[in-house]
PDB file of N, CA and C in Angstrom:
ATOM      1  N   UNK A   1      90.724 -12.290-172.636  1.00  0.00           N
ATOM      2  CA  UNK A   1      91.293 -11.273-173.682  1.00  0.00           C
ATOM      3  C   UNK A   1      91.408 -10.591-171.457  1.00  0.00           C
ATOM      4  N   UNK A   2      92.793 -10.454-171.272  1.00  0.00           N
ATOM      5  CA  UNK A   2      93.757  -9.811-170.523  1.00  0.00           C
ATOM      6  C   UNK A   2      93.715  -8.808-170.125  1.00  0.00           C
ATOM      7  N   UNK A   3      93.551  -7.272-169.320  1.00  0.00           N
ATOM      8  CA  UNK A   3      94.306  -6.708-169.441  1.00  0.00           C
ATOM      9  C   UNK A   3      94.705  -5.841-168.562  1.00  0.00           C
ATOM     10  N   UNK A   4      96.525  -6.167-168.059  1.00  0.00           N
ATOM     11  CA  UNK A   4      96.306  -5.867-166.426  1.00  0.00           C
ATOM     12  C   UNK A   4      96.237  -4.159-166.772  1.00  0.00           C
ATOM     13  N   UNK A   5      95.693  -2.986-165.692  1.00  0.00           N
ATOM     14  CA  UNK A   5      95.502  -2.054-165.532  1.00  0.00           C
ATOM     15  C   UNK A   5      96.558  -1.283-165.264  1.00  0.00           C
ATOM     16  N   UNK A   6      96.734   0.367-165.990  1.00  0.00           N
ATOM     17  CA  UNK A   6      97.385   0.745-164.650  1.00  0.00           C
ATOM     18  C   UNK A   6      97.323   1.558-163.738  1.00  0.00           C
ATOM     19  N   UNK A   7      98.425   1.916-162.799  1.00  0.00           N
ATOM     20  CA  UNK A   7      97.834   2.291-161.409  1.00  0.00           C
ATOM     21  C   UNK A   7      96.888   3.014-161.163  1.00  0.00           C
ATOM     22  N   UNK A   8      96.731   4.080-162.251  1.00  0.00           N
ATOM     23  CA  UNK A   8      95.470   5.088-161.781  1.00  0.00           C
ATOM     24  C   UNK A   8      94.293   4.888-162.376  1.00  0.00           C
ATOM     25  N   UNK A   9      94.095   3.421-163.469  1.00  0.00           N
ATOM     26  CA  UNK A   9      92.781   3.066-163.622  1.00  0.00           C
ATOM     27  C   UNK A   9      92.200   1.921-162.061  1.00  0.00           C
ATOM     28  N   UNK A  10      93.355   1.646-161.428  1.00  0.00           N
ATOM     29  CA  UNK A  10      93.086   0.823-160.423  1.00  0.00           C
ATOM     30  C   UNK A  10      92.322   1.908-159.278  1.00  0.00           C
ATOM     31  N   UNK A  11      92.885   2.712-159.413  1.00  0.00           N
ATOM     32  CA  UNK A  11      92.755   3.662-157.996  1.00  0.00           C
ATOM     33  C   UNK A  11      90.820   4.212-158.191  1.00  0.00           C
ATOM     34  N   UNK A  12      90.785   4.611-160.163  1.00  0.00           N
ATOM     35  CA  UNK A  12      89.495   4.893-160.035  1.00  0.00           C
ATOM     36  C   UNK A  12      88.241   3.704-160.328  1.00  0.00           C
ATOM     37  N   UNK A  13      88.899   2.699-160.983  1.00  0.00           N
ATOM     38  CA  UNK A  13      87.934   1.282-160.176  1.00  0.00           C
ATOM     39  C   UNK A  13      88.158   0.819-159.197  1.00  0.00           C
ATOM     40  N   UNK A  14      88.121   1.433-157.788  1.00  0.00           N
ATOM     41  CA  UNK A  14      88.513   1.503-156.664  1.00  0.00           C
ATOM     42  C   UNK A  14      87.409   2.267-156.211  1.00  0.00           C
ATOM     43  N   UNK A  15      87.387   3.703-156.515  1.00  0.00           N
ATOM     44  CA  UNK A  15      87.049   4.384-155.862  1.00  0.00           C
ATOM     45  C   UNK A  15      85.421   4.610-156.330  1.00  0.00           C
ATOM     46  N   UNK A  16      85.194   4.567-157.707  1.00  0.00           N
ATOM     47  CA  UNK A  16      84.264   4.774-158.641  1.00  0.00           C
ATOM     48  C   UNK A  16      83.008   3.440-158.993  1.00  0.00           C
ATOM     49  N   UNK A  17      84.303   2.122-159.260  1.00  0.00           N
ATOM     50  CA  UNK A  17      83.294   1.137-159.244  1.00  0.00           C
ATOM     51  C   UNK A  17      84.374   0.820-160.854  1.00  0.00           C
ATOM     52  N   UNK A  18      84.079  -0.286-161.574  1.00  0.00           N
ATOM     53  CA  UNK A  18      84.478  -0.709-162.503  1.00  0.00           C
ATOM     54  C   UNK A  18      83.715  -0.250-164.272  1.00  0.00           C
ATOM     55  N   UNK A  19      82.340  -0.501-163.910  1.00  0.00           N
ATOM     56  CA  UNK A  19      82.023   0.570-165.041  1.00  0.00           C
ATOM     57  C   UNK A  19      81.622   2.396-165.359  1.00  0.00           C
ATOM     58  N   UNK A  20      82.001   2.470-164.092  1.00  0.00           N
ATOM     59  CA  UNK A  20      81.789   4.073-164.193  1.00  0.00           C
ATOM     60  C   UNK A  20      83.081   4.799-164.110  1.00  0.00           C
ATOM     61  N   UNK A  21      84.146   3.743-164.053  1.00  0.00           N
ATOM     62  CA  UNK A  21      85.623   3.465-164.155  1.00  0.00           C
ATOM     63  C   UNK A  21      85.688   3.711-165.773  1.00  0.00           C
ATOM     64  N   UNK A  22      85.751   2.776-166.141  1.00  0.00           N
ATOM     65  CA  UNK A  22      85.143   2.112-167.874  1.00  0.00           C
ATOM     66  C   UNK A  22      84.997   3.374-168.620  1.00  0.00           C
ATOM     67  N   UNK A  23      84.320   3.832-167.885  1.00  0.00           N
ATOM     68  CA  UNK A  23      83.819   5.613-168.797  1.00  0.00           C
ATOM     69  C   UNK A  23      84.341   6.678-168.751  1.00  0.00           C
ATOM     70  N   UNK A  24      84.933   6.540-167.825  1.00  0.00           N
ATOM     71  CA  UNK A  24      85.950   7.744-167.671  1.00  0.00           C
ATOM     72  C   UNK A  24      87.198   8.024-168.232  1.00  0.00           C
ATOM     73  N   UNK A  25      87.677   6.903-168.260  1.00  0.00           N
ATOM     74  CA  UNK A  25      89.064   6.777-169.142  1.00  0.00           C
ATOM     75  C   UNK A  25      88.364   6.224-170.659  1.00  0.00           C
ATOM     76  N   UNK A  26      87.785   5.853-170.856  1.00  0.00           N
ATOM     77  CA  UNK A  26      87.078   6.055-172.429  1.00  0.00           C
ATOM     78  C   UNK A  26      87.040   7.561-172.728  1.00  0.00           C
ATOM     79  N   UNK A  27      86.432   8.166-172.116  1.00  0.00           N
ATOM     80  CA  UNK A  27      85.632   9.902-172.248  1.00  0.00           C
ATOM     81  C   UNK A  27      87.137  10.756-172.078  1.00  0.00           C
ATOM     82  N   UNK A  28      87.823  10.251-170.882  1.00  0.00           N
ATOM     83  CA  UNK A  28      88.847  10.878-170.396  1.00  0.00           C
ATOM     84  C   UNK A  28      90.703  10.641-170.593  1.00  0.00           C
ATOM     85  N   UNK A  29      90.355   9.186-171.179  1.00  0.00           N
ATOM     86  CA  UNK A  29      91.723   8.671-170.581  1.00  0.00           C
ATOM     87  C   UNK A  29      92.912   9.828-171.388  1.00  0.00           C
ATOM     88  N   UNK A  30      93.925   9.760-171.126  1.00  0.00           N
ATOM     89  CA  UNK A  30      95.260  10.928-171.621  1.00  0.00           C
ATOM     90  C   UNK A  30      95.517  12.290-170.903  1.00  0.00           C
ATOM     91  N   UNK A  31      94.309  12.006-170.758  1.00  0.00           N
ATOM     92  CA  UNK A  31      93.971  13.738-169.893  1.00  0.00           C
ATOM     93  C   UNK A  31      93.850  13.987-169.013  1.00  0.00           C
ATOM     94  N   UNK A  32      94.104  15.559-168.356  1.00  0.00           N
ATOM     95  CA  UNK A  32      93.853  15.514-166.869  1.00  0.00           C
ATOM     96  C   UNK A  32      91.980  16.271-166.715  1.00  0.00           C
ATOM     97  N   UNK A  33      91.517  15.740-165.100  1.00  0.00           N
ATOM     98  CA  UNK A  33      90.543  15.999-164.772  1.00  0.00           C
ATOM     99  C   UNK A  33      90.241  16.412-163.898  1.00  0.00           C
ATOM    100  N   UNK A  34      89.608  17.823-163.988  1.00  0.00           N
ATOM    101  CA  UNK A  34      89.917  18.936-162.207  1.00  0.00           C
ATOM    102  C   UNK A  34      88.485  17.857-161.479  1.00  0.00           C
ATOM    103  N   UNK A  35      89.223  17.874-160.727  1.00  0.00           N
ATOM    104  CA  UNK A  35      88.606  17.402-159.293  1.00  0.00           C
ATOM    105  C   UNK A  35      88.285  18.139-158.415  1.00  0.00           C
ATOM    106  N   UNK A  36      86.627  18.769-158.020  1.00  0.00           N
ATOM    107  CA  UNK A  36      86.313  19.784-157.187  1.00  0.00           C
ATOM    108  C   UNK A  36      86.568  19.522-155.876  1.00  0.00           C
ATOM    109  N   UNK A  37      86.666  20.612-154.991  1.00  0.00           N
ATOM    110  CA  UNK A  37      86.895  20.004-153.182  1.00  0.00           C
ATOM    111  C   UNK A  37      85.010  19.341-153.382  1.00  0.00           C
ATOM    112  N   UNK A  38      84.498  20.211-153.932  1.00  0.00           N
ATOM    113  CA  UNK A  38      82.623  20.534-153.049  1.00  0.00           C
ATOM    114  C   UNK A  38      82.543  20.143-154.659  1.00  0.00           C
ATOM    115  N   UNK A  39      81.482  18.050-154.971  1.00  0.00           N
ATOM    116  CA  UNK A  39      80.955  18.099-155.399  1.00  0.00           C
ATOM    117  C   UNK A  39      80.031  18.787-156.187  1.00  0.00           C
ATOM    118  N   UNK A  40      79.076  18.642-155.216  1.00  0.00           N
ATOM    119  CA  UNK A  40      77.658  19.351-155.654  1.00  0.00           C
ATOM    120  C   UNK A  40      77.784  20.856-156.454  1.00  0.00           C
ATOM    121  N   UNK A  41      77.083  19.970-157.669  1.00  0.00           N
ATOM    122  CA  UNK A  41      76.735  21.486-158.358  1.00  0.00           C
ATOM    123  C   UNK A  41      77.703  21.770-159.348  1.00  0.00           C
ATOM    124  N   UNK A  42      79.034  20.556-159.162  1.00  0.00           N
ATOM    125  CA  UNK A  42      80.445  21.041-159.657  1.00  0.00           C
ATOM    126  C   UNK A  42      79.460  20.375-161.305  1.00  0.00           C
ATOM    127  N   UNK A  43      80.999  20.864-162.467  1.00  0.00           N
ATOM    128  CA  UNK A  43      80.284  19.797-163.584  1.00  0.00           C
ATOM    129  C   UNK A  43      80.846  18.095-163.223  1.00  0.00           C
ATOM    130  N   UNK A  44      81.662  18.273-162.708  1.00  0.00           N
ATOM    131  CA  UNK A  44      82.088  16.715-162.245  1.00  0.00           C
ATOM    132  C   UNK A  44      80.695  15.866-162.253  1.00  0.00           C
ATOM    133  N   UNK A  45      80.326  16.486-160.915  1.00  0.00           N
ATOM    134  CA  UNK A  45      79.013  15.780-160.834  1.00  0.00           C
ATOM    135  C   UNK A  45      77.901  16.084-162.349  1.00  0.00           C
ATOM    136  N   UNK A  46      78.393  16.219-163.032  1.00  0.00           N
ATOM    137  CA  UNK A  46      76.848  16.620-163.805  1.00  0.00           C
ATOM    138  C   UNK A  46      77.463  15.233-164.570  1.00  0.00           C
ATOM    139  N   UNK A  47      78.635  14.884-165.119  1.00  0.00           N
ATOM    140  CA  UNK A  47      79.067  14.229-166.220  1.00  0.00           C
ATOM    141  C   UNK A  47      78.935  12.895-165.558  1.00  0.00           C
ATOM    142  N   UNK A  48      79.561  12.990-164.095  1.00  0.00           N
ATOM    143  CA  UNK A  48      79.460  11.453-163.737  1.00  0.00           C
ATOM    144  C   UNK A  48      78.444  11.110-162.607  1.00  0.00           C
ATOM    145  N   UNK A  49      78.288  11.858-162.024  1.00  0.00           N
ATOM    146  CA  UNK A  49      76.798  11.494-161.170  1.00  0.00           C
ATOM    147  C   UNK A  49      77.202  11.879-160.247  1.00  0.00           C
ATOM    148  N   UNK A  50      76.201  12.627-159.002  1.00  0.00           N
ATOM    149  CA  UNK A  50      76.871  13.308-157.984  1.00  0.00           C
ATOM    150  C   UNK A  50      77.602  12.330-156.889  1.00  0.00           C
ATOM    151  N   UNK A  51      77.037  11.191-156.664  1.00  0.00           N
ATOM    152  CA  UNK A  51      77.833  10.530-155.598  1.00  0.00           C
ATOM    153  C   UNK A  51      79.372   9.755-156.433  1.00  0.00           C
ATOM    154  N   UNK A  52      79.453   9.691-157.509  1.00  0.00           N
ATOM    155  CA  UNK A  52      80.926   9.553-157.837  1.00  0.00           C
ATOM    156  C   UNK A  52      81.289  10.593-157.611  1.00  0.00           C
ATOM    157  N   UNK A  53      81.258  12.070-158.036  1.00  0.00           N
ATOM    158  CA  UNK A  53      81.756  12.694-158.039  1.00  0.00           C
ATOM    159  C   UNK A  53      82.984  12.896-156.103  1.00  0.00           C
ATOM    160  N   UNK A  54      80.866  12.691-155.281  1.00  0.00           N
ATOM    161  CA  UNK A  54      82.121  13.190-154.108  1.00  0.00           C
ATOM    162  C   UNK A  54      83.065  12.217-153.848  1.00  0.00           C
ATOM    163  N   UNK A  55      82.288  11.028-154.035  1.00  0.00           N
ATOM    164  CA  UNK A  55      83.546   9.812-154.100  1.00  0.00           C
ATOM    165  C   UNK A  55      84.845   9.824-154.358  1.00  0.00           C
ATOM    166  N   UNK A  56      85.166  11.014-155.466  1.00  0.00           N
ATOM    167  CA  UNK A  56      86.398  11.217-156.120  1.00  0.00           C
ATOM    168  C   UNK A  56      86.715  12.828-155.441  1.00  0.00           C
ATOM    169  N   UNK A  57      85.898  13.239-154.928  1.00  0.00           N
ATOM    170  CA  UNK A  57      85.969  14.641-154.579  1.00  0.00           C
ATOM    171  C   UNK A  57      86.617  14.344-153.024  1.00  0.00           C
ATOM    172  N   UNK A  58      86.686  13.461-152.653  1.00  0.00           N
ATOM    173  CA  UNK A  58      87.191  12.426-151.095  1.00  0.00           C
ATOM    174  C   UNK A  58      88.812  12.331-151.010  1.00  0.00           C
ATOM    175  N   UNK A  59      88.705  11.569-152.577  1.00  0.00           N
ATOM    176  CA  UNK A  59      89.977  11.160-152.825  1.00  0.00           C
ATOM    177  C   UNK A  59      90.851  12.001-153.444  1.00  0.00           C
ATOM    178  N   UNK A  60      90.748  12.615-154.048  1.00  0.00           N
ATOM    179  CA  UNK A  60      91.258  14.120-154.712  1.00  0.00           C
ATOM    180  C   UNK A  60      90.408  15.123-155.045  1.00  0.00           C
ATOM    181  N   UNK A  61      89.752  15.702-154.010  1.00  0.00           N
ATOM    182  CA  UNK A  61      89.200  17.170-154.187  1.00  0.00           C
ATOM    183  C   UNK A  61      90.193  18.053-153.745  1.00  0.00           C
ATOM    184  N   UNK A  62      90.338  18.715-155.240  1.00  0.00           N
ATOM    185  CA  UNK A  62      90.690  20.429-155.484  1.00  0.00           C
ATOM    186  C   UNK A  62      92.377  20.112-156.419  1.00  0.00           C
ATOM    187  N   UNK A  63      92.277  18.763-156.415  1.00  0.00           N
ATOM    188  CA  UNK A  63      93.599  17.957-157.674  1.00  0.00           C
ATOM    189  C   UNK A  63      92.991  18.378-159.231  1.00  0.00           C
ATOM    190  N   UNK A  64      93.982  18.387-160.009  1.00  0.00           N
ATOM    191  CA  UNK A  64      93.368  18.049-161.327  1.00  0.00           C
ATOM    192  C   UNK A  64      94.682  16.126-161.496  1.00  0.00           C
ATOM    193  N   UNK A  65      93.971  15.569-161.784  1.00  0.00           N
ATOM    194  CA  UNK A  65      94.436  14.240-161.847  1.00  0.00           C
ATOM    195  C   UNK A  65      94.628  13.186-163.199  1.00  0.00           C
ATOM    196  N   UNK A  66      95.757  12.883-163.636  1.00  0.00           N
ATOM    197  CA  UNK A  66      95.920  12.157-165.051  1.00  0.00           C
ATOM    198  C   UNK A  66      95.305  11.166-165.142  1.00  0.00           C
ATOM    199  N   UNK A  67      94.252  10.930-166.362  1.00  0.00           N
ATOM    200  CA  UNK A  67      93.366   9.866-166.198  1.00  0.00           C
ATOM    201  C   UNK A  67      94.167   9.049-167.272  1.00  0.00           C
ATOM    202  N   UNK A  68      94.221   7.869-166.872  1.00  0.00           N
ATOM    203  CA  UNK A  68      95.524   7.217-167.988  1.00  0.00           C
ATOM    204  C   UNK A  68      94.897   6.537-168.832  1.00  0.00           C
ATOM    205  N   UNK A  69      95.331   7.030-170.220  1.00  0.00           N
ATOM    206  CA  UNK A  69      95.648   6.145-171.330  1.00  0.00           C
ATOM    207  C   UNK A  69      95.050   4.546-171.589  1.00  0.00           C
ATOM    208  N   UNK A  70      94.121   3.607-171.877  1.00  0.00           N
ATOM    209  CA  UNK A  70      93.813   2.420-171.212  1.00  0.00           C
ATOM    210  C   UNK A  70      92.793   1.384-172.597  1.00  0.00           C
ATOM    211  N   UNK A  71      93.373   2.204-173.483  1.00  0.00           N
ATOM    212  CA  UNK A  71      92.356   1.609-174.425  1.00  0.00           C
ATOM    213  C   UNK A  71      92.093  -0.079-174.693  1.00  0.00           C
ATOM    214  N   UNK A  72      93.173  -0.906-174.459  1.00  0.00           N
ATOM    215  CA  UNK A  72      93.152  -2.049-174.370  1.00  0.00           C
ATOM    216  C   UNK A  72      92.418  -2.231-173.352  1.00  0.00           C
ATOM    217  N   UNK A  73      92.091  -2.314-172.314  1.00  0.00           N
ATOM    218  CA  UNK A  73      91.429  -2.733-170.607  1.00  0.00           C
ATOM    219  C   UNK A  73      90.142  -1.939-171.406  1.00  0.00           C
ATOM    220  N   UNK A  74      89.902  -0.631-171.949  1.00  0.00           N
ATOM    221  CA  UNK A  74      88.044  -0.442-172.232  1.00  0.00           C
ATOM    222  C   UNK A  74      87.502  -1.484-173.503  1.00  0.00           C
ATOM    223  N   UNK A  75      88.619  -1.993-174.173  1.00  0.00           N
ATOM    224  CA  UNK A  75      88.056  -2.787-175.767  1.00  0.00           C
ATOM    225  C   UNK A  75      87.346  -3.684-174.825  1.00  0.00           C
ATOM    226  N   UNK A  76      88.227  -4.639-173.497  1.00  0.00           N
ATOM    227  CA  UNK A  76      88.382  -5.842-173.448  1.00  0.00           C
ATOM    228  C   UNK A  76      87.341  -5.865-172.328  1.00  0.00           C
ATOM    229  N   UNK A  77      86.828  -4.772-171.078  1.00  0.00           N
ATOM    230  CA  UNK A  77      85.832  -4.137-170.515  1.00  0.00           C
ATOM    231  C   UNK A  77      84.445  -4.851-171.521  1.00  0.00           C
ATOM    232  N   UNK A  78      83.810  -4.186-172.861  1.00  0.00           N
ATOM    233  CA  UNK A  78      83.382  -4.330-173.724  1.00  0.00           C
ATOM    234  C   UNK A  78      82.761  -5.737-174.278  1.00  0.00           C
ATOM    235  N   UNK A  79      84.474  -6.218-174.804  1.00  0.00           N
ATOM    236  CA  UNK A  79      84.031  -7.600-175.531  1.00  0.00           C
ATOM    237  C   UNK A  79      83.610  -7.833-174.054  1.00  0.00           C
ATOM    238  N   UNK A  80      84.306  -8.643-173.417  1.00  0.00           N
ATOM    239  CA  UNK A  80      84.114  -9.498-172.343  1.00  0.00           C
ATOM    240  C   UNK A  80      83.301  -9.706-171.394  1.00  0.00           C
ATOM    241  N   UNK A  81      83.203  -7.970-170.446  1.00  0.00           N
ATOM    242  CA  UNK A  81      82.086  -7.857-169.730  1.00  0.00           C
ATOM    243  C   UNK A  81      80.759  -7.667-169.900  1.00  0.00           C
ATOM    244  N   UNK A  82      80.234  -7.144-171.444  1.00  0.00           N
ATOM    245  CA  UNK A  82      78.589  -6.610-171.573  1.00  0.00           C
ATOM    246  C   UNK A  82      78.812  -7.722-172.963  1.00  0.00           C
ATOM    247  N   UNK A  83      79.609  -8.766-173.290  1.00  0.00           N
ATOM    248  CA  UNK A  83      79.652  -8.767-174.505  1.00  0.00           C
ATOM    249  C   UNK A  83      79.946  -8.612-175.675  1.00  0.00           C
ATOM    250  N   UNK A  84      79.731  -7.653-175.693  1.00  0.00           N
ATOM    251  CA  UNK A  84      80.349  -6.895-177.481  1.00  0.00           C
ATOM    252  C   UNK A  84      80.859  -7.594-177.990  1.00  0.00           C
ATOM    253  N   UNK A  85      80.235  -7.821-179.571  1.00  0.00           N
ATOM    254  CA  UNK A  85      80.742  -7.773-180.576  1.00  0.00           C
ATOM    255  C   UNK A  85      82.274  -7.044-180.946  1.00  0.00           C
ATOM    256  N   UNK A  86      83.530  -7.977-181.475  1.00  0.00           N
ATOM    257  CA  UNK A  86      84.081  -7.638-181.592  1.00  0.00           C
ATOM    258  C   UNK A  86      84.080  -6.107-182.272  1.00  0.00           C
ATOM    259  N   UNK A  87      83.811  -5.885-183.175  1.00  0.00           N
ATOM    260  CA  UNK A  87      83.400  -4.904-184.369  1.00  0.00           C
ATOM    261  C   UNK A  87      82.594  -3.475-183.449  1.00  0.00           C
ATOM    262  N   UNK A  88      81.996  -3.809-182.381  1.00  0.00           N
ATOM    263  CA  UNK A  88      81.097  -2.993-181.396  1.00  0.00           C
ATOM    264  C   UNK A  88      81.905  -2.301-180.633  1.00  0.00           C
ATOM    265  N   UNK A  89      82.743  -3.587-179.483  1.00  0.00           N
ATOM    266  CA  UNK A  89      83.764  -3.397-178.952  1.00  0.00           C
ATOM    267  C   UNK A  89      84.589  -2.066-179.233  1.00  0.00           C
ATOM    268  N   UNK A  90      85.504  -2.423-180.533  1.00  0.00           N
ATOM    269  CA  UNK A  90      86.521  -1.475-180.983  1.00  0.00           C
ATOM    270  C   UNK A  90      85.654  -0.106-181.288  1.00  0.00           C
ATOM    271  N   UNK A  91      84.361   0.047-181.994  1.00  0.00           N
ATOM    272  CA  UNK A  91      83.980   1.112-181.933  1.00  0.00           C
ATOM    273  C   UNK A  91      83.856   1.944-180.336  1.00  0.00           C
ATOM    274  N   UNK A  92      83.217   1.256-179.497  1.00  0.00           N
ATOM    275  CA  UNK A  92      83.025   1.890-178.551  1.00  0.00           C
ATOM    276  C   UNK A  92      84.264   2.494-177.116  1.00  0.00           C
ATOM    277  N   UNK A  93      85.547   1.661-177.791  1.00  0.00           N
ATOM    278  CA  UNK A  93      86.057   1.769-177.327  1.00  0.00           C
ATOM    279  C   UNK A  93      87.741   2.684-178.091  1.00  0.00           C
ATOM    280  N   UNK A  94      86.900   3.077-179.285  1.00  0.00           N
ATOM    281  CA  UNK A  94      87.854   4.106-179.638  1.00  0.00           C
ATOM    282  C   UNK A  94      89.061   3.761-180.591  1.00  0.00           C
ATOM    283  N   UNK A  95      88.997   2.665-181.451  1.00  0.00           N
ATOM    284  CA  UNK A  95      90.377   2.030-181.793  1.00  0.00           C
ATOM    285  C   UNK A  95      89.797   1.116-182.860  1.00  0.00           C
ATOM    286  N   UNK A  96      90.646   0.797-184.169  1.00  0.00           N
ATOM    287  CA  UNK A  96      90.423   0.152-185.017  1.00  0.00           C
ATOM    288  C   UNK A  96      90.140  -1.131-184.835  1.00  0.00           C
ATOM    289  N   UNK A  97      89.280  -1.798-185.607  1.00  0.00           N
ATOM    290  CA  UNK A  97      88.962  -2.694-185.924  1.00  0.00           C
ATOM    291  C   UNK A  97      89.708  -4.223-186.034  1.00  0.00           C
ATOM    292  N   UNK A  98      90.685  -3.385-187.023  1.00  0.00           N
ATOM    293  CA  UNK A  98      91.945  -4.537-187.096  1.00  0.00           C
ATOM    294  C   UNK A  98      92.519  -4.596-186.066  1.00  0.00           C
ATOM    295  N   UNK A  99      92.607  -3.406-185.286  1.00  0.00           N
ATOM    296  CA  UNK A  99      93.718  -3.475-184.014  1.00  0.00           C
ATOM    297  C   UNK A  99      93.314  -4.159-183.219  1.00  0.00           C
ATOM    298  N   UNK A 100      91.825  -4.526-182.755  1.00  0.00           N
ATOM    299  CA  UNK A 100      91.350  -5.453-182.287  1.00  0.00           C
ATOM    300  C   UNK A 100      91.465  -6.719-181.914  1.00  0.00           C
ATOM    301  N   UNK A 101      91.132  -6.657-183.570  1.00  0.00           N
ATOM    302  CA  UNK A 101      91.690  -8.624-184.554  1.00  0.00           C
ATOM    303  C   UNK A 101      93.099  -8.901-183.700  1.00  0.00           C
ATOM    304  N   UNK A 102      93.891  -7.713-184.293  1.00  0.00           N
ATOM    305  CA  UNK A 102      95.630  -7.561-183.907  1.00  0.00           C
ATOM    306  C   UNK A 102      95.520  -8.633-182.217  1.00  0.00           C
ATOM    307  N   UNK A 103      94.954  -7.595-181.782  1.00  0.00           N
ATOM    308  CA  UNK A 103      95.051  -7.574-180.017  1.00  0.00           C
ATOM    309  C   UNK A 103      94.600  -9.274-179.278  1.00  0.00           C
ATOM    310  N   UNK A 104      93.462  -9.420-180.137  1.00  0.00           N
ATOM    311  CA  UNK A 104      93.306 -10.883-179.477  1.00  0.00           C
ATOM    312  C   UNK A 104      93.423 -12.013-180.433  1.00  0.00           C
ATOM    313  N   UNK A 105      94.157 -12.015-181.546  1.00  0.00           N
ATOM    314  CA  UNK A 105      94.802 -13.253-181.918  1.00  0.00           C
ATOM    315  C   UNK A 105      96.449 -13.058-181.362  1.00  0.00           C
ATOM    316  N   UNK A 106      97.132 -12.227-180.859  1.00  0.00           N
ATOM    317  CA  UNK A 106      98.166 -12.359-180.172  1.00  0.00           C
ATOM    318  C   UNK A 106      99.215 -11.197-181.243  1.00  0.00           C
ATOM    319  N   UNK A 107      98.583 -10.741-182.468  1.00  0.00           N
ATOM    320  CA  UNK A 107     100.080 -10.627-183.640  1.00  0.00           C
ATOM    321  C   UNK A 107      99.953  -9.330-183.425  1.00  0.00           C
ATOM    322  N   UNK A 108      99.753  -8.528-181.971  1.00  0.00           N
ATOM    323  CA  UNK A 108     100.010  -7.017-181.161  1.00  0.00           C
ATOM    324  C   UNK A 108     101.626  -7.298-180.366  1.00  0.00           C
ATOM    325  N   UNK A 109     102.946  -7.327-180.733  1.00  0.00           N
ATOM    326  CA  UNK A 109     103.549  -7.050-179.919  1.00  0.00           C
ATOM    327  C   UNK A 109     104.108  -6.179-179.774  1.00  0.00           C
ATOM    328  N   UNK A 110     104.508  -5.591-178.679  1.00  0.00           N
ATOM    329  CA  UNK A 110     103.768  -4.851-178.082  1.00  0.00           C
ATOM    330  C   UNK A 110     105.245  -3.899-178.184  1.00  0.00           C
ATOM    331  N   UNK A 111     105.790  -2.552-178.827  1.00  0.00           N
ATOM    332  CA  UNK A 111     107.129  -1.791-178.975  1.00  0.00           C
ATOM    333  C   UNK A 111     108.105  -2.121-178.515  1.00  0.00           C
ATOM    334  N   UNK A 112     108.241  -2.209-177.468  1.00  0.00           N
ATOM    335  CA  UNK A 112     109.483  -2.870-176.528  1.00  0.00           C
ATOM    336  C   UNK A 112     110.199  -3.957-177.105  1.00  0.00           C
ATOM    337  N   UNK A 113     108.988  -5.182-177.392  1.00  0.00           N
ATOM    338  CA  UNK A 113     109.696  -6.417-178.131  1.00  0.00           C
ATOM    339  C   UNK A 113     109.955  -6.383-179.552  1.00  0.00           C
ATOM    340  N   UNK A 114     109.247  -5.338-180.038  1.00  0.00           N
ATOM    341  CA  UNK A 114     109.904  -5.353-181.668  1.00  0.00           C
ATOM    342  C   UNK A 114     111.799  -4.601-181.367  1.00  0.00           C
ATOM    343  N   UNK A 115     112.062  -3.731-180.473  1.00  0.00           N
ATOM    344  CA  UNK A 115     112.743  -3.489-180.331  1.00  0.00           C
ATOM    345  C   UNK A 115     114.147  -4.024-180.011  1.00  0.00           C
ATOM    346  N   UNK A 116     113.652  -4.602-178.542  1.00  0.00           N
ATOM    347  CA  UNK A 116     114.493  -6.048-177.815  1.00  0.00           C
ATOM    348  C   UNK A 116     114.959  -6.788-179.264  1.00  0.00           C
ATOM    349  N   UNK A 117     116.445  -6.341-178.775  1.00  0.00           N
ATOM    350  CA  UNK A 117     117.419  -7.297-179.820  1.00  0.00           C
ATOM    351  C   UNK A 117     117.833  -9.030-178.901  1.00  0.00           C
ATOM    352  N   UNK A 118     117.160  -9.668-180.632  1.00  0.00           N
ATOM    353  CA  UNK A 118     117.377 -11.051-179.991  1.00  0.00           C
ATOM    354  C   UNK A 118     118.873 -11.042-178.873  1.00  0.00           C
ATOM    355  N   UNK A 119     119.299 -11.956-177.643  1.00  0.00           N
ATOM    356  CA  UNK A 119     120.356 -12.294-177.739  1.00  0.00           C
ATOM    357  C   UNK A 119     121.053 -13.810-178.114  1.00  0.00           C
ATOM    358  N   UNK A 120     119.480 -14.656-178.594  1.00  0.00           N
ATOM    359  CA  UNK A 120     120.143 -15.739-179.463  1.00  0.00           C
ATOM    360  C   UNK A 120     120.622 -15.592-180.534  1.00  0.00           C
ATOM    361  N   UNK A 121     121.037 -14.327-181.750  1.00  0.00           N
ATOM    362  CA  UNK A 121     121.046 -14.939-182.652  1.00  0.00           C
ATOM    363  C   UNK A 121     122.656 -14.503-183.208  1.00  0.00           C
TER     364      UNK A 121
END
């Protein structure tokens, strides 16, 4: 299963590594996250660890970042990298089992594909 990451997800992966980035996408995806200028003693350091918080502070210190919502990528990580069953990966990614089945079978067309008129009809 392949899933192209959105730009913000790529940034997180580059800064804190794939495993922690996936956890951050799962927990904070679709929301904003304040990154303090100094990581030590911050809420962020308590949540993601001091080393990761320091890396984030160097990149975004003092800013509020938008963490992309990328459920398909989070699901794919748990399924492919961690070897979880379809149901366990879906539960951990916060999606319905049926959604996971549709993604894996290719039955889930994007909304833009469904709305695009057929030029050859």
